[in-house]
Amino acid sequence: MRIDLVTLFPEMFTGVFGASIIGRAVERGILDIAYTNFRDYSTDKHRHVDDTPCGGGAGMVLKPEPIYAAVRDVWAKTAAFAARRCTIIFDPAGKVFTQQTAKELASYDQLVLICGHYEGFDQRVYDLADRLISVGDFVLTGGEIPAMLTVDATARMLPGVLGDDTSAPTDSFFDALLGYPQYTRPRTFEGKEVPEVLLSGNHAAIARWRREQSLLATLRLRPELLPMAKLTTQDLMFLAKQNEIR
């Protein structure tokens, strides 16, 4: 997958994308991450990318010309990806990013992520985007952190990025359920035991225990997720029993 970040601060991404799972995916050629600083496309002598808002008001607004020029240049240089490309702006009005969003974005060959700053974009910039994404109901300084989050979550959905391709389906939210508890050695730590079923060697029993623990955690902590999950008859029976106990 090709990922193009259109940003005023490409240096913010170096540490995050140069290490751990993302760094290894880049080294192995699964991800190709490129950076475009739209300040480089400013045409005035002071390289301005922002201006005061029309009609007055606090702060500065990102001008459309440098961003249009930068994004169009990225599009032109990566024309081979045009049929399977998604251009994204991070904005509070966007659809909230979820695990399902990560799955959807992983189906594209290229993501172009436009990172805003200051008081936001000139409204005309939004015409460049195929979709708007919000990462939550709070305010950040710019779009770089949402872009990092989006790339990290999406990359995990790509074949070969994780060391074990069975890891992603066990993540919390992958199937709209919270993850099950995980344990490792030692068997006993400060009086707390690893559940016996996990040491039994009975893979069917372990799978069922994990599924039930996932259902139970979701029921207790995030019950609003359950209507979105694909539940079996056995799952529904387990949940009904838990509701009776409660």
Protein backbone atom coordinates (compact mmCIF):
# COMPACT_ATOMS: atom_id res chain seq x y z
CA MET A 1 0.00 0.00 0.00
CA ARG A 2 1.17 3.52 -0.82
CA ILE A 3 0.50 6.21 1.80
CA ASP A 4 1.07 9.89 1.04
CA LEU A 5 1.01 12.37 3.91
CA VAL A 6 0.42 15.98 2.92
CA THR A 7 1.57 17.96 5.94
CA LEU A 8 3.43 21.01 7.19
CA PHE A 9 5.37 18.84 9.66
CA PRO A 10 6.70 15.66 8.02
CA GLU A 11 9.31 15.38 10.78
CA MET A 12 6.54 14.50 13.25
CA PHE A 13 6.13 11.08 11.60
CA THR A 14 9.75 9.94 11.56
CA GLY A 15 9.92 8.28 14.97
CA VAL A 16 6.44 6.76 14.82
CA PHE A 17 6.72 5.24 11.35
CA GLY A 18 10.39 4.33 11.62
CA ALA A 19 9.95 1.85 14.46
CA SER A 20 8.04 -1.25 15.52
CA ILE A 21 5.47 -2.87 13.24
CA ILE A 22 5.10 0.07 10.84
CA GLY A 23 8.86 0.42 10.47
CA ARG A 24 9.22 -3.27 9.66
CA ALA A 25 6.35 -3.10 7.15
CA VAL A 26 8.17 -0.26 5.36
CA GLU A 27 11.45 -2.20 5.37
CA ARG A 28 9.71 -5.23 3.89
CA GLY A 29 8.03 -3.19 1.16
CA ILE A 30 4.47 -3.80 2.37
CA LEU A 31 4.04 -0.09 3.03
CA ASP A 32 5.47 2.77 1.00
CA ILE A 33 5.13 6.01 2.99
CA ALA A 34 5.89 9.37 1.37
CA TYR A 35 5.69 12.93 2.68
CA THR A 36 4.76 16.14 0.90
CA ASN A 37 5.15 19.48 2.66
CA PHE A 38 2.57 21.79 1.15
CA ARG A 39 4.62 24.81 2.24
CA ASP A 40 6.90 23.87 -0.64
CA TYR A 41 4.01 24.75 -2.98
CA SER A 42 3.47 28.27 -1.66
CA THR A 43 4.20 30.86 -4.35
CA ASP A 44 4.81 34.02 -2.32
CA LYS A 45 8.30 35.02 -1.17
CA HIS A 46 7.55 34.34 2.50
CA ARG A 47 6.11 30.88 1.74
CA HIS A 48 2.82 31.63 3.48
CA VAL A 49 0.28 28.80 3.67
CA ASP A 50 -2.30 30.60 5.82
CA ASP A 51 -4.16 33.88 5.94
CA THR A 52 -6.68 35.73 8.11
CA PRO A 53 -10.29 34.49 7.85
CA CYS A 54 -12.64 36.40 5.59
CA GLY A 55 -15.22 38.18 7.72
CA GLY A 56 -12.86 38.42 10.67
CA GLY A 57 -12.27 36.14 13.61
CA ALA A 58 -9.49 34.58 15.61
CA GLY A 59 -6.63 32.54 14.24
CA MET A 60 -5.43 31.79 10.75
CA VAL A 61 -6.95 29.64 7.99
CA LEU A 62 -5.02 27.40 5.60
CA LYS A 63 -5.07 28.79 2.08
CA PRO A 64 -6.38 26.58 -0.74
CA GLU A 65 -3.66 27.21 -3.35
CA PRO A 66 -0.67 25.39 -1.74
CA ILE A 67 -2.77 22.42 -0.67
CA TYR A 68 -4.40 22.04 -4.09
CA ALA A 69 -1.00 22.23 -5.77
CA ALA A 70 0.54 19.71 -3.38
CA VAL A 71 -2.28 17.17 -3.61
CA ARG A 72 -2.55 17.44 -7.37
CA ASP A 73 1.19 16.88 -7.63
CA VAL A 74 0.91 13.75 -5.47
CA TRP A 75 -1.97 12.52 -7.63
CA ALA A 76 0.02 13.13 -10.82
CA LYS A 77 3.14 11.39 -9.53
CA THR A 78 1.12 8.36 -8.39
CA ALA A 79 -1.33 8.15 -11.28
CA ALA A 80 -0.98 4.37 -11.36
CA PHE A 81 -2.93 4.22 -8.08
CA ALA A 82 -5.78 6.46 -9.23
CA ALA A 83 -8.38 3.69 -9.57
CA ARG A 84 -7.81 2.47 -6.01
CA ARG A 85 -7.01 5.72 -4.20
CA CYS A 86 -8.73 7.42 -1.27
CA THR A 87 -7.97 11.03 -0.32
CA ILE A 88 -8.81 11.91 3.27
CA ILE A 89 -9.11 15.06 5.36
CA PHE A 90 -9.28 14.84 9.15
CA ASP A 91 -12.16 16.95 10.40
CA PRO A 92 -14.61 17.00 13.36
CA ALA A 93 -17.49 16.73 10.89
CA GLY A 94 -16.18 13.43 9.53
CA LYS A 95 -17.37 9.93 10.30
CA VAL A 96 -15.73 8.70 13.50
CA PHE A 97 -12.80 6.36 12.83
CA THR A 98 -13.45 2.77 13.94
CA GLN A 99 -11.98 -0.66 13.33
CA GLN A 100 -14.43 -1.02 10.44
CA THR A 101 -12.98 2.15 8.91
CA ALA A 102 -9.50 0.62 9.14
CA LYS A 103 -10.74 -2.50 7.33
CA GLU A 104 -12.32 -0.37 4.59
CA LEU A 105 -9.20 1.76 4.09
CA ALA A 106 -7.02 -1.35 3.91
CA SER A 107 -8.82 -2.30 0.68
CA TYR A 108 -7.32 0.69 -1.17
CA ASP A 109 -3.96 0.71 -2.93
CA GLN A 110 -3.21 4.30 -1.92
CA LEU A 111 -4.25 6.67 0.85
CA VAL A 112 -3.57 10.40 0.57
CA LEU A 113 -3.92 11.95 4.02
CA ILE A 114 -4.22 15.75 4.21
CA CYS A 115 -3.21 17.08 7.62
CA GLY A 116 -4.61 20.45 8.60
CA HIS A 117 -3.36 22.97 11.14
CA TYR A 118 -4.18 26.34 12.68
CA GLU A 119 -7.93 27.16 12.58
CA GLY A 120 -8.61 24.75 9.73
CA PHE A 121 -8.91 24.72 5.96
CA ASP A 122 -10.39 27.16 3.52
CA GLN A 123 -13.71 25.47 2.75
CA ARG A 124 -12.75 24.91 -0.87
CA VAL A 125 -10.00 22.47 0.17
CA TYR A 126 -12.66 19.92 1.14
CA ASP A 127 -13.45 19.36 -2.53
CA LEU A 128 -10.17 17.41 -2.75
CA ALA A 129 -11.30 14.76 -0.27
CA ASP A 130 -13.12 11.51 -0.95
CA ARG A 131 -14.02 11.27 2.73
CA LEU A 132 -13.70 13.11 6.03
CA ILE A 133 -12.57 11.27 9.15
CA SER A 134 -12.84 12.27 12.81
CA VAL A 135 -10.90 10.48 15.54
CA GLY A 136 -13.16 11.71 18.33
CA ASP A 137 -14.96 14.65 19.88
CA PHE A 138 -11.93 16.62 21.02
CA VAL A 139 -9.57 19.22 19.57
CA LEU A 140 -6.00 18.56 18.45
CA THR A 141 -3.37 20.98 17.20
CA GLY A 142 -3.26 19.42 13.75
CA GLY A 143 -4.06 16.41 11.61
CA GLU A 144 -0.74 14.67 12.08
CA ILE A 145 -1.74 12.61 15.13
CA PRO A 146 -5.02 11.45 13.54
CA ALA A 147 -2.99 10.50 10.45
CA MET A 148 -0.61 8.42 12.58
CA LEU A 149 -3.55 6.67 14.20
CA THR A 150 -5.18 5.98 10.84
CA VAL A 151 -2.02 4.57 9.26
CA ASP A 152 -1.25 2.37 12.28
CA ALA A 153 -4.74 0.88 12.54
CA THR A 154 -5.08 0.41 8.77
CA ALA A 155 -1.64 -1.14 8.32
CA ARG A 156 -2.50 -3.87 10.83
CA MET A 157 -5.21 -5.04 8.43
CA LEU A 158 -2.74 -5.63 5.57
CA PRO A 159 -1.48 -9.17 4.97
CA GLY A 160 2.06 -9.66 6.20
CA VAL A 161 2.27 -6.58 8.41
CA LEU A 162 1.78 -8.49 11.65
CA GLY A 163 4.11 -11.33 12.42
CA ASP A 164 1.12 -13.65 12.73
CA ASP A 165 -1.80 -13.04 10.36
CA THR A 166 -4.15 -14.50 12.96
CA SER A 167 -3.34 -11.63 15.35
CA ALA A 168 -5.57 -8.96 13.81
CA PRO A 169 -8.83 -10.95 14.06
CA THR A 170 -8.24 -11.29 17.81
CA ASP A 171 -7.83 -7.54 18.35
CA SER A 172 -10.46 -5.62 20.27
CA PHE A 173 -13.12 -4.16 17.94
CA PHE A 174 -12.10 -6.34 14.99
CA ASP A 175 -15.55 -7.95 15.09
CA ALA A 176 -17.21 -5.24 17.24
CA LEU A 177 -16.27 -7.03 20.47
CA LEU A 178 -13.66 -6.24 23.10
CA GLY A 179 -10.69 -8.56 23.29
CA TYR A 180 -10.40 -11.46 25.73
CA PRO A 181 -7.92 -11.48 28.67
CA GLN A 182 -4.39 -12.58 27.81
CA TYR A 183 -1.91 -14.37 30.08
CA THR A 184 1.69 -15.54 29.91
CA ARG A 185 4.18 -17.09 32.33
CA PRO A 186 4.57 -17.34 35.30
CA ARG A 187 1.57 -19.52 36.02
CA THR A 188 1.13 -17.82 39.41
CA PHE A 189 1.92 -14.16 40.06
CA GLU A 190 1.20 -12.51 43.41
CA GLY A 191 -1.43 -15.11 44.11
CA LYS A 192 -3.17 -14.64 40.77
CA GLU A 193 -3.44 -17.79 38.64
CA VAL A 194 -3.58 -18.26 34.89
CA PRO A 195 -7.06 -19.72 34.17
CA GLU A 196 -6.80 -23.50 34.10
CA VAL A 197 -8.52 -23.82 30.73
CA LEU A 198 -5.63 -21.99 29.04
CA LEU A 199 -3.23 -24.68 30.25
CA SER A 200 -5.47 -27.59 29.33
CA GLY A 201 -4.32 -28.08 25.76
CA ASN A 202 -7.99 -28.36 24.74
CA HIS A 203 -8.09 -25.90 21.86
CA ALA A 204 -11.86 -26.03 21.45
CA ALA A 205 -12.37 -25.25 25.13
CA ILE A 206 -9.81 -22.45 24.97
CA ALA A 207 -11.50 -20.92 21.93
CA ARG A 208 -14.89 -21.05 23.63
CA TRP A 209 -13.52 -19.54 26.87
CA ARG A 210 -11.93 -16.71 24.93
CA ARG A 211 -15.12 -16.04 23.01
CA GLU A 212 -17.15 -15.97 26.21
CA GLN A 213 -14.67 -13.68 27.93
CA SER A 214 -14.82 -11.33 24.94
CA LEU A 215 -18.61 -11.33 25.06
CA LEU A 216 -18.59 -10.79 28.81
CA ALA A 217 -16.16 -7.87 28.66
CA THR A 218 -18.23 -6.22 25.92
CA LEU A 219 -21.48 -6.76 27.84
CA ARG A 220 -20.03 -5.20 31.00
CA LEU A 221 -17.95 -2.38 29.55
CA ARG A 222 -19.23 -1.52 26.05
CA PRO A 223 -22.73 -3.03 25.65
CA GLU A 224 -23.54 -0.59 22.83
CA LEU A 225 -21.17 -2.59 20.61
CA LEU A 226 -23.12 -5.84 20.83
CA PRO A 227 -25.79 -4.96 18.21
CA MET A 228 -22.97 -4.53 15.67
CA ALA A 229 -21.35 -7.89 16.39
CA LYS A 230 -22.01 -11.09 14.46
CA LEU A 231 -23.35 -13.32 17.21
CA THR A 232 -24.04 -17.03 17.00
CA THR A 233 -26.93 -18.79 18.70
CA GLN A 234 -24.46 -20.01 21.31
CA ASP A 235 -23.27 -16.44 21.87
CA LEU A 236 -26.84 -15.24 22.36
CA MET A 237 -27.55 -18.02 24.83
CA PHE A 238 -24.44 -17.12 26.82
CA LEU A 239 -25.39 -13.44 26.91
CA ALA A 240 -28.97 -14.25 27.93
CA LYS A 241 -27.62 -16.31 30.83
CA GLN A 242 -25.38 -13.46 31.92
CA ASN A 243 -28.31 -11.03 31.84
CA GLU A 244 -30.29 -13.43 34.06
CA ILE A 245 -27.41 -13.53 36.54
CA ARG A 246 -27.24 -9.73 36.57
